[in-house]
């Protein structure tokens, strides 16, 4: 790390601590030449995610799309917003853990359904009915039977 004052190449870390959020590390550095101190911040570099849609078009990942879909599925259900945000946090963690830069929308949809199934069965069925585009009552009933058999 070059010194911002004299641009000397050799600096040393004199103090290092995490920030309150725990996502960033604050480092106090001192230049070996001019002895001035400065602060740097280090954080994890996040891979920007691209979503591959069913029609093979690509678009930037948008957290709000998942949030809106889950909120619609949970409408008039006793599901706190905090639980919905936790689901999305887990989904994003799962996506980043794949280490892929491009994620299929079908993978995201399955993650949402898996989490909703544990959170609220009615919200799960609502989301699944839109996501899986049930064509008739029989395919809808098959999904309901799967839920009942798991219990």
N, C-alpha and C. Protein backbone atom coordinates (compact mmCIF):
# COMPACT_ATOMS: atom_id res chain seq x y z
N UNK A 1 0.86 -1.18 0.00
CA UNK A 1 0.00 0.00 0.00
C UNK A 1 0.90 1.23 0.00
N UNK A 2 0.75 2.07 -1.00
CA UNK A 2 1.53 3.30 -1.08
C UNK A 2 0.99 4.35 -0.12
N UNK A 3 1.89 5.13 0.43
CA UNK A 3 1.51 6.22 1.33
C UNK A 3 0.80 7.30 0.51
N UNK A 4 -0.37 7.79 0.97
CA UNK A 4 -1.07 8.83 0.22
C UNK A 4 -0.41 10.21 0.33
N UNK A 5 0.55 10.35 1.25
CA UNK A 5 1.21 11.65 1.45
C UNK A 5 2.49 11.78 0.64
N UNK A 6 3.37 10.79 0.76
CA UNK A 6 4.65 10.87 0.04
C UNK A 6 4.78 9.81 -1.06
N UNK A 7 3.80 8.93 -1.17
CA UNK A 7 3.73 7.87 -2.16
C UNK A 7 4.83 6.82 -2.03
N UNK A 8 5.42 6.75 -0.85
CA UNK A 8 6.42 5.71 -0.59
C UNK A 8 5.72 4.36 -0.56
N UNK A 9 6.37 3.32 -1.08
CA UNK A 9 5.73 2.02 -1.24
C UNK A 9 5.63 1.19 0.03
N UNK A 10 6.39 1.51 1.06
CA UNK A 10 6.45 0.66 2.25
C UNK A 10 5.66 1.27 3.41
N UNK A 11 4.55 0.67 3.76
CA UNK A 11 3.78 1.09 4.93
C UNK A 11 3.53 -0.13 5.79
N UNK A 12 3.30 0.11 7.08
CA UNK A 12 3.02 -1.03 7.96
C UNK A 12 1.71 -0.80 8.71
N UNK A 13 1.04 -1.88 9.03
CA UNK A 13 -0.21 -1.82 9.77
C UNK A 13 0.13 -1.69 11.25
N UNK A 14 -0.43 -0.63 11.90
CA UNK A 14 -0.19 -0.43 13.33
C UNK A 14 -1.41 -0.80 14.17
N UNK A 15 -2.58 -0.87 13.55
CA UNK A 15 -3.79 -1.26 14.26
C UNK A 15 -4.78 -1.82 13.25
N UNK A 16 -5.49 -2.87 13.66
CA UNK A 16 -6.45 -3.51 12.78
C UNK A 16 -7.64 -3.96 13.61
N UNK A 17 -8.85 -3.58 13.17
CA UNK A 17 -10.06 -4.00 13.90
C UNK A 17 -11.25 -4.03 12.95
N UNK A 18 -12.20 -4.92 13.25
CA UNK A 18 -13.40 -4.98 12.41
C UNK A 18 -14.32 -3.80 12.70
N UNK A 19 -15.11 -3.41 11.71
CA UNK A 19 -16.11 -2.36 11.92
C UNK A 19 -17.30 -2.97 12.64
N UNK A 20 -18.25 -2.13 13.01
CA UNK A 20 -19.41 -2.60 13.77
C UNK A 20 -20.20 -3.66 13.03
N UNK A 21 -20.34 -3.52 11.72
CA UNK A 21 -21.11 -4.47 10.93
C UNK A 21 -20.39 -5.81 10.78
N UNK A 22 -19.09 -5.81 10.97
CA UNK A 22 -18.30 -7.03 10.82
C UNK A 22 -17.99 -7.40 9.38
N UNK A 23 -18.38 -6.55 8.44
CA UNK A 23 -18.16 -6.84 7.02
C UNK A 23 -16.90 -6.16 6.48
N UNK A 24 -16.31 -5.28 7.29
CA UNK A 24 -15.16 -4.50 6.86
C UNK A 24 -14.12 -4.48 7.98
N UNK A 25 -12.86 -4.44 7.58
CA UNK A 25 -11.77 -4.31 8.56
C UNK A 25 -11.12 -2.94 8.37
N UNK A 26 -11.01 -2.21 9.46
CA UNK A 26 -10.38 -0.88 9.45
C UNK A 26 -8.92 -1.07 9.85
N UNK A 27 -8.02 -0.54 9.06
CA UNK A 27 -6.59 -0.66 9.36
C UNK A 27 -5.95 0.73 9.44
N UNK A 28 -5.20 0.96 10.52
CA UNK A 28 -4.38 2.17 10.63
C UNK A 28 -3.00 1.79 10.14
N UNK A 29 -2.48 2.58 9.23
CA UNK A 29 -1.17 2.31 8.65
C UNK A 29 -0.23 3.49 8.90
N UNK A 30 1.05 3.18 8.88
CA UNK A 30 2.07 4.21 9.06
C UNK A 30 3.12 4.06 7.96
N UNK A 31 3.46 5.18 7.36
CA UNK A 31 4.47 5.19 6.32
C UNK A 31 5.85 5.03 6.94
N UNK A 32 6.67 4.18 6.36
CA UNK A 32 8.03 3.96 6.88
C UNK A 32 8.96 5.13 6.60
N UNK A 33 8.61 5.95 5.61
CA UNK A 33 9.48 7.06 5.23
C UNK A 33 9.09 8.36 5.95
N UNK A 34 7.83 8.83 5.77
CA UNK A 34 7.44 10.12 6.34
C UNK A 34 6.79 10.01 7.72
N UNK A 35 6.49 8.76 8.14
CA UNK A 35 5.92 8.48 9.47
C UNK A 35 4.49 8.97 9.66
N UNK A 36 3.85 9.41 8.60
CA UNK A 36 2.45 9.84 8.72
C UNK A 36 1.56 8.60 8.74
N UNK A 37 0.40 8.76 9.41
CA UNK A 37 -0.56 7.65 9.52
C UNK A 37 -1.79 7.93 8.67
N UNK A 38 -2.38 6.85 8.20
CA UNK A 38 -3.62 6.95 7.43
C UNK A 38 -4.44 5.68 7.66
N UNK A 39 -5.69 5.74 7.27
CA UNK A 39 -6.62 4.64 7.49
C UNK A 39 -7.03 4.02 6.16
N UNK A 40 -7.08 2.70 6.14
CA UNK A 40 -7.61 1.98 4.98
C UNK A 40 -8.72 1.04 5.47
N UNK A 41 -9.58 0.66 4.54
CA UNK A 41 -10.66 -0.28 4.85
C UNK A 41 -10.56 -1.44 3.89
N UNK A 42 -10.72 -2.63 4.44
CA UNK A 42 -10.66 -3.83 3.63
C UNK A 42 -12.01 -4.53 3.74
N UNK A 43 -12.58 -4.91 2.59
CA UNK A 43 -13.84 -5.64 2.62
C UNK A 43 -13.84 -6.73 1.57
N UNK A 44 -14.72 -7.68 1.75
CA UNK A 44 -14.83 -8.80 0.82
C UNK A 44 -15.32 -8.29 -0.52
N UNK A 45 -14.67 -8.73 -1.56
CA UNK A 45 -15.09 -8.35 -2.90
C UNK A 45 -16.22 -9.28 -3.33
N UNK A 46 -17.36 -8.71 -3.56
CA UNK A 46 -18.52 -9.50 -3.94
C UNK A 46 -18.55 -9.66 -5.45
N UNK A 47 -18.88 -10.87 -5.87
CA UNK A 47 -19.00 -11.14 -7.29
C UNK A 47 -20.38 -10.64 -7.75
N UNK A 48 -20.44 -9.72 -8.70
CA UNK A 48 -21.75 -9.30 -9.17
C UNK A 48 -22.45 -10.47 -9.88
N UNK A 49 -23.68 -10.72 -9.49
CA UNK A 49 -24.40 -11.86 -10.05
C UNK A 49 -25.24 -11.47 -11.26
N UNK A 50 -25.24 -12.34 -12.23
CA UNK A 50 -26.08 -12.19 -13.41
C UNK A 50 -27.08 -13.34 -13.39
N UNK A 51 -28.34 -13.02 -13.61
CA UNK A 51 -29.39 -14.03 -13.63
C UNK A 51 -29.70 -14.41 -15.07
N UNK A 52 -29.70 -15.72 -15.32
CA UNK A 52 -30.07 -16.23 -16.64
C UNK A 52 -31.55 -16.58 -16.57
N UNK A 53 -32.35 -15.83 -17.33
CA UNK A 53 -33.79 -16.02 -17.32
C UNK A 53 -34.17 -17.26 -18.13
N UNK A 54 -35.43 -17.66 -18.03
CA UNK A 54 -35.91 -18.85 -18.75
C UNK A 54 -35.75 -18.69 -20.26
N UNK A 55 -35.87 -17.46 -20.76
CA UNK A 55 -35.73 -17.22 -22.20
C UNK A 55 -34.26 -17.01 -22.61
N UNK A 56 -33.34 -17.28 -21.68
CA UNK A 56 -31.88 -17.20 -21.85
C UNK A 56 -31.33 -15.78 -21.88
N UNK A 57 -32.18 -14.78 -21.70
CA UNK A 57 -31.68 -13.42 -21.54
C UNK A 57 -30.99 -13.30 -20.20
N UNK A 58 -30.07 -12.37 -20.10
CA UNK A 58 -29.34 -12.16 -18.86
C UNK A 58 -29.63 -10.77 -18.33
N UNK A 59 -29.72 -10.69 -16.99
CA UNK A 59 -29.91 -9.39 -16.34
C UNK A 59 -29.23 -9.42 -14.99
N UNK A 60 -28.92 -8.24 -14.48
CA UNK A 60 -28.26 -8.12 -13.18
C UNK A 60 -29.21 -8.61 -12.08
N UNK A 61 -28.63 -9.28 -11.10
CA UNK A 61 -29.43 -9.75 -9.97
C UNK A 61 -30.05 -8.56 -9.25
N UNK A 62 -31.32 -8.71 -8.88
CA UNK A 62 -32.04 -7.64 -8.20
C UNK A 62 -32.76 -8.23 -6.99
N UNK A 63 -32.27 -7.93 -5.81
CA UNK A 63 -32.85 -8.44 -4.56
C UNK A 63 -34.34 -8.09 -4.45
N UNK A 64 -34.71 -6.91 -4.92
CA UNK A 64 -36.10 -6.47 -4.78
C UNK A 64 -37.08 -7.36 -5.54
N UNK A 65 -36.64 -7.99 -6.62
CA UNK A 65 -37.54 -8.89 -7.35
C UNK A 65 -37.93 -10.08 -6.48
N UNK A 66 -36.97 -10.65 -5.78
CA UNK A 66 -37.27 -11.77 -4.89
C UNK A 66 -38.12 -11.28 -3.72
N UNK A 67 -37.76 -10.13 -3.17
CA UNK A 67 -38.52 -9.57 -2.05
C UNK A 67 -39.98 -9.37 -2.43
N UNK A 68 -40.23 -8.76 -3.58
CA UNK A 68 -41.61 -8.52 -4.01
C UNK A 68 -42.39 -9.81 -4.23
N UNK A 69 -41.73 -10.81 -4.80
CA UNK A 69 -42.40 -12.10 -5.02
C UNK A 69 -42.77 -12.78 -3.72
N UNK A 70 -41.86 -12.74 -2.76
CA UNK A 70 -42.13 -13.38 -1.47
C UNK A 70 -43.20 -12.60 -0.71
N UNK A 71 -43.14 -11.28 -0.75
CA UNK A 71 -44.16 -10.47 -0.07
C UNK A 71 -45.54 -10.77 -0.65
N UNK A 72 -45.64 -10.88 -1.97
CA UNK A 72 -46.92 -11.21 -2.60
C UNK A 72 -47.43 -12.57 -2.12
N UNK A 73 -46.51 -13.54 -2.04
CA UNK A 73 -46.90 -14.88 -1.60
C UNK A 73 -47.32 -14.89 -0.12
N UNK A 74 -46.75 -14.00 0.67
CA UNK A 74 -47.03 -13.97 2.11
C UNK A 74 -48.13 -12.98 2.49
N UNK A 75 -48.76 -12.38 1.48
CA UNK A 75 -49.80 -11.39 1.74
C UNK A 75 -50.91 -11.99 2.60
N UNK A 76 -51.31 -11.25 3.63
CA UNK A 76 -52.37 -11.65 4.57
C UNK A 76 -52.01 -12.93 5.33
N UNK A 77 -50.71 -13.17 5.50
CA UNK A 77 -50.22 -14.30 6.28
C UNK A 77 -49.42 -13.75 7.46
N UNK A 78 -49.33 -14.51 8.55
CA UNK A 78 -48.60 -14.02 9.73
C UNK A 78 -47.09 -14.20 9.61
N UNK A 79 -46.53 -13.62 8.56
CA UNK A 79 -45.09 -13.75 8.31
C UNK A 79 -44.44 -12.39 8.48
N UNK A 80 -43.56 -12.24 9.50
CA UNK A 80 -42.88 -10.96 9.71
C UNK A 80 -41.91 -10.63 8.57
N UNK A 81 -41.77 -9.36 8.28
CA UNK A 81 -40.86 -8.90 7.23
C UNK A 81 -39.43 -9.35 7.54
N UNK A 82 -39.08 -9.38 8.81
CA UNK A 82 -37.73 -9.81 9.21
C UNK A 82 -37.46 -11.25 8.74
N UNK A 83 -38.47 -12.12 8.82
CA UNK A 83 -38.30 -13.50 8.35
C UNK A 83 -38.11 -13.54 6.83
N UNK A 84 -38.82 -12.68 6.13
CA UNK A 84 -38.67 -12.61 4.68
C UNK A 84 -37.26 -12.14 4.32
N UNK A 85 -36.78 -11.13 5.02
CA UNK A 85 -35.42 -10.63 4.77
C UNK A 85 -34.38 -11.70 5.09
N UNK A 86 -34.61 -12.48 6.15
CA UNK A 86 -33.68 -13.57 6.48
C UNK A 86 -33.64 -14.62 5.38
N UNK A 87 -34.82 -14.93 4.82
CA UNK A 87 -34.87 -15.90 3.71
C UNK A 87 -34.02 -15.38 2.55
N UNK A 88 -34.19 -14.12 2.20
CA UNK A 88 -33.44 -13.56 1.08
C UNK A 88 -31.95 -13.55 1.38
N UNK A 89 -31.57 -13.24 2.61
CA UNK A 89 -30.16 -13.30 3.00
C UNK A 89 -29.60 -14.70 2.80
N UNK A 90 -30.36 -15.73 3.20
CA UNK A 90 -29.91 -17.11 3.02
C UNK A 90 -29.81 -17.48 1.54
N UNK A 91 -30.78 -17.03 0.76
CA UNK A 91 -30.76 -17.31 -0.68
C UNK A 91 -29.53 -16.67 -1.32
N UNK A 92 -29.25 -15.41 -0.96
CA UNK A 92 -28.08 -14.73 -1.52
C UNK A 92 -26.79 -15.43 -1.10
N UNK A 93 -26.74 -15.89 0.13
CA UNK A 93 -25.56 -16.61 0.60
C UNK A 93 -25.39 -17.90 -0.20
N UNK A 94 -26.49 -18.62 -0.42
CA UNK A 94 -26.43 -19.85 -1.23
C UNK A 94 -25.94 -19.56 -2.64
N UNK A 95 -26.43 -18.46 -3.23
CA UNK A 95 -26.01 -18.11 -4.59
C UNK A 95 -24.53 -17.77 -4.63
N UNK A 96 -24.05 -16.99 -3.67
CA UNK A 96 -22.63 -16.62 -3.65
C UNK A 96 -21.75 -17.83 -3.38
N UNK A 97 -22.25 -18.79 -2.59
CA UNK A 97 -21.47 -19.98 -2.29
C UNK A 97 -21.28 -20.89 -3.49
N UNK A 98 -22.09 -20.72 -4.53
CA UNK A 98 -21.88 -21.51 -5.75
C UNK A 98 -20.62 -21.06 -6.48
N UNK A 99 -20.16 -19.84 -6.16
CA UNK A 99 -18.98 -19.24 -6.80
C UNK A 99 -19.18 -19.04 -8.31
N UNK A 100 -20.41 -19.05 -8.74
CA UNK A 100 -20.74 -18.81 -10.13
C UNK A 100 -21.09 -17.33 -10.31
N UNK A 101 -20.74 -16.78 -11.45
CA UNK A 101 -21.09 -15.40 -11.75
C UNK A 101 -22.48 -15.31 -12.37
N UNK A 102 -22.92 -16.41 -12.97
CA UNK A 102 -24.23 -16.45 -13.60
C UNK A 102 -25.07 -17.53 -12.92
N UNK A 103 -26.27 -17.16 -12.50
CA UNK A 103 -27.16 -18.06 -11.79
C UNK A 103 -28.46 -18.17 -12.58
N UNK A 104 -28.94 -19.39 -12.77
CA UNK A 104 -30.21 -19.58 -13.49
C UNK A 104 -31.37 -19.16 -12.59
N UNK A 105 -32.35 -18.52 -13.19
CA UNK A 105 -33.53 -18.08 -12.43
C UNK A 105 -34.27 -19.27 -11.84
N UNK A 106 -34.18 -20.42 -12.49
CA UNK A 106 -34.84 -21.62 -11.96
C UNK A 106 -34.21 -22.05 -10.64
N UNK A 107 -32.90 -21.90 -10.53
CA UNK A 107 -32.21 -22.22 -9.28
C UNK A 107 -32.68 -21.28 -8.16
N UNK A 108 -32.80 -20.01 -8.48
CA UNK A 108 -33.27 -19.03 -7.49
C UNK A 108 -34.69 -19.36 -7.07
N UNK A 109 -35.55 -19.69 -8.03
CA UNK A 109 -36.93 -20.03 -7.73
C UNK A 109 -37.04 -21.24 -6.81
N UNK A 110 -36.22 -22.25 -7.06
CA UNK A 110 -36.23 -23.43 -6.20
C UNK A 110 -35.75 -23.09 -4.79
N UNK A 111 -34.74 -22.23 -4.68
CA UNK A 111 -34.28 -21.81 -3.35
C UNK A 111 -35.40 -21.09 -2.60
N UNK A 112 -36.11 -20.21 -3.29
CA UNK A 112 -37.21 -19.48 -2.66
C UNK A 112 -38.26 -20.47 -2.18
N UNK A 113 -38.64 -21.42 -3.02
CA UNK A 113 -39.68 -22.37 -2.64
C UNK A 113 -39.25 -23.23 -1.45
N UNK A 114 -38.00 -23.67 -1.44
CA UNK A 114 -37.51 -24.48 -0.32
C UNK A 114 -37.61 -23.71 1.00
N UNK A 115 -37.26 -22.44 0.97
CA UNK A 115 -37.33 -21.64 2.20
C UNK A 115 -38.77 -21.33 2.59
N UNK A 116 -39.61 -21.04 1.59
CA UNK A 116 -41.01 -20.75 1.90
C UNK A 116 -41.74 -21.97 2.46
N UNK A 117 -41.37 -23.14 1.99
CA UNK A 117 -42.01 -24.36 2.47
C UNK A 117 -41.83 -24.50 3.99
N UNK A 118 -40.65 -24.13 4.47
CA UNK A 118 -40.37 -24.20 5.91
C UNK A 118 -41.02 -23.06 6.68
N UNK A 119 -41.21 -21.93 6.02
CA UNK A 119 -41.73 -20.74 6.70
C UNK A 119 -43.26 -20.73 6.79
N UNK A 120 -43.92 -20.93 5.66
CA UNK A 120 -45.38 -20.84 5.63
C UNK A 120 -45.89 -21.62 4.41
N UNK A 121 -46.65 -22.68 4.67
CA UNK A 121 -47.08 -23.56 3.58
C UNK A 121 -48.02 -22.86 2.59
N UNK A 122 -48.86 -21.97 3.09
CA UNK A 122 -49.77 -21.26 2.19
C UNK A 122 -48.97 -20.35 1.26
N UNK A 123 -47.99 -19.64 1.81
CA UNK A 123 -47.14 -18.78 0.99
C UNK A 123 -46.37 -19.62 -0.02
N UNK A 124 -45.94 -20.80 0.40
CA UNK A 124 -45.24 -21.70 -0.51
C UNK A 124 -46.12 -22.07 -1.70
N UNK A 125 -47.36 -22.47 -1.42
CA UNK A 125 -48.27 -22.88 -2.49
C UNK A 125 -48.58 -21.70 -3.41
N UNK A 126 -48.75 -20.53 -2.84
CA UNK A 126 -49.00 -19.34 -3.67
C UNK A 126 -47.82 -19.08 -4.60
N UNK A 127 -46.62 -19.10 -4.03
CA UNK A 127 -45.42 -18.84 -4.85
C UNK A 127 -45.27 -19.92 -5.91
N UNK A 128 -45.44 -21.18 -5.50
CA UNK A 128 -45.28 -22.30 -6.44
C UNK A 128 -46.29 -22.22 -7.57
N UNK A 129 -47.50 -21.78 -7.27
CA UNK A 129 -48.53 -21.72 -8.32
C UNK A 129 -48.16 -20.71 -9.40
N UNK A 130 -47.50 -19.63 -9.02
CA UNK A 130 -47.06 -18.64 -10.01
C UNK A 130 -45.76 -19.12 -10.66
N UNK A 131 -44.81 -19.58 -9.84
CA UNK A 131 -43.50 -19.97 -10.35
C UNK A 131 -43.59 -21.16 -11.29
N UNK A 132 -44.34 -22.17 -10.89
CA UNK A 132 -44.44 -23.39 -11.70
C UNK A 132 -45.54 -23.31 -12.75
N UNK A 133 -46.29 -22.24 -12.73
CA UNK A 133 -47.34 -21.98 -13.73
C UNK A 133 -48.26 -23.19 -13.89
N UNK A 134 -48.92 -23.56 -12.80
CA UNK A 134 -49.85 -24.69 -12.84
C UNK A 134 -50.88 -24.47 -13.94
N UNK A 135 -51.02 -25.47 -14.79
CA UNK A 135 -51.91 -25.35 -15.94
C UNK A 135 -53.36 -25.70 -15.58
N UNK A 136 -53.51 -26.60 -14.60
CA UNK A 136 -54.86 -27.02 -14.22
C UNK A 136 -54.90 -27.41 -12.76
N UNK A 137 -56.05 -27.80 -12.29
CA UNK A 137 -56.24 -28.14 -10.89
C UNK A 137 -55.47 -29.40 -10.50
N UNK A 138 -55.28 -30.32 -11.45
CA UNK A 138 -54.57 -31.57 -11.14
C UNK A 138 -53.11 -31.33 -10.76
N UNK A 139 -52.41 -30.47 -11.52
CA UNK A 139 -51.01 -30.19 -11.17
C UNK A 139 -50.93 -29.44 -9.84
N UNK A 140 -51.92 -28.61 -9.57
CA UNK A 140 -51.99 -27.90 -8.30
C UNK A 140 -52.19 -28.90 -7.15
N UNK A 141 -53.08 -29.86 -7.35
CA UNK A 141 -53.35 -30.87 -6.33
C UNK A 141 -52.13 -31.76 -6.09
N UNK A 142 -51.38 -32.06 -7.13
CA UNK A 142 -50.15 -32.85 -6.97
C UNK A 142 -49.19 -32.16 -6.01
N UNK A 143 -49.04 -30.86 -6.18
CA UNK A 143 -48.15 -30.09 -5.30
C UNK A 143 -48.66 -30.12 -3.86
N UNK A 144 -49.96 -29.98 -3.69
CA UNK A 144 -50.54 -30.05 -2.35
C UNK A 144 -50.32 -31.43 -1.71
N UNK A 145 -50.47 -32.48 -2.51
CA UNK A 145 -50.24 -33.84 -1.99
C UNK A 145 -48.80 -34.03 -1.54
N UNK A 146 -47.85 -33.45 -2.27
CA UNK A 146 -46.44 -33.54 -1.87
C UNK A 146 -46.24 -32.94 -0.48
N UNK A 147 -46.85 -31.79 -0.25
CA UNK A 147 -46.73 -31.12 1.05
C UNK A 147 -47.35 -31.98 2.15
N UNK A 148 -48.55 -32.51 1.88
CA UNK A 148 -49.24 -33.33 2.87
C UNK A 148 -48.48 -34.62 3.16
N UNK A 149 -47.88 -35.23 2.14
CA UNK A 149 -47.11 -36.47 2.34
C UNK A 149 -45.83 -36.24 3.14
N UNK A 150 -45.25 -35.04 3.01
CA UNK A 150 -44.03 -34.72 3.77
C UNK A 150 -44.31 -34.58 5.26
N UNK A 151 -45.56 -34.28 5.58
CA UNK A 151 -45.92 -34.14 7.00
C UNK A 151 -46.12 -35.47 7.58
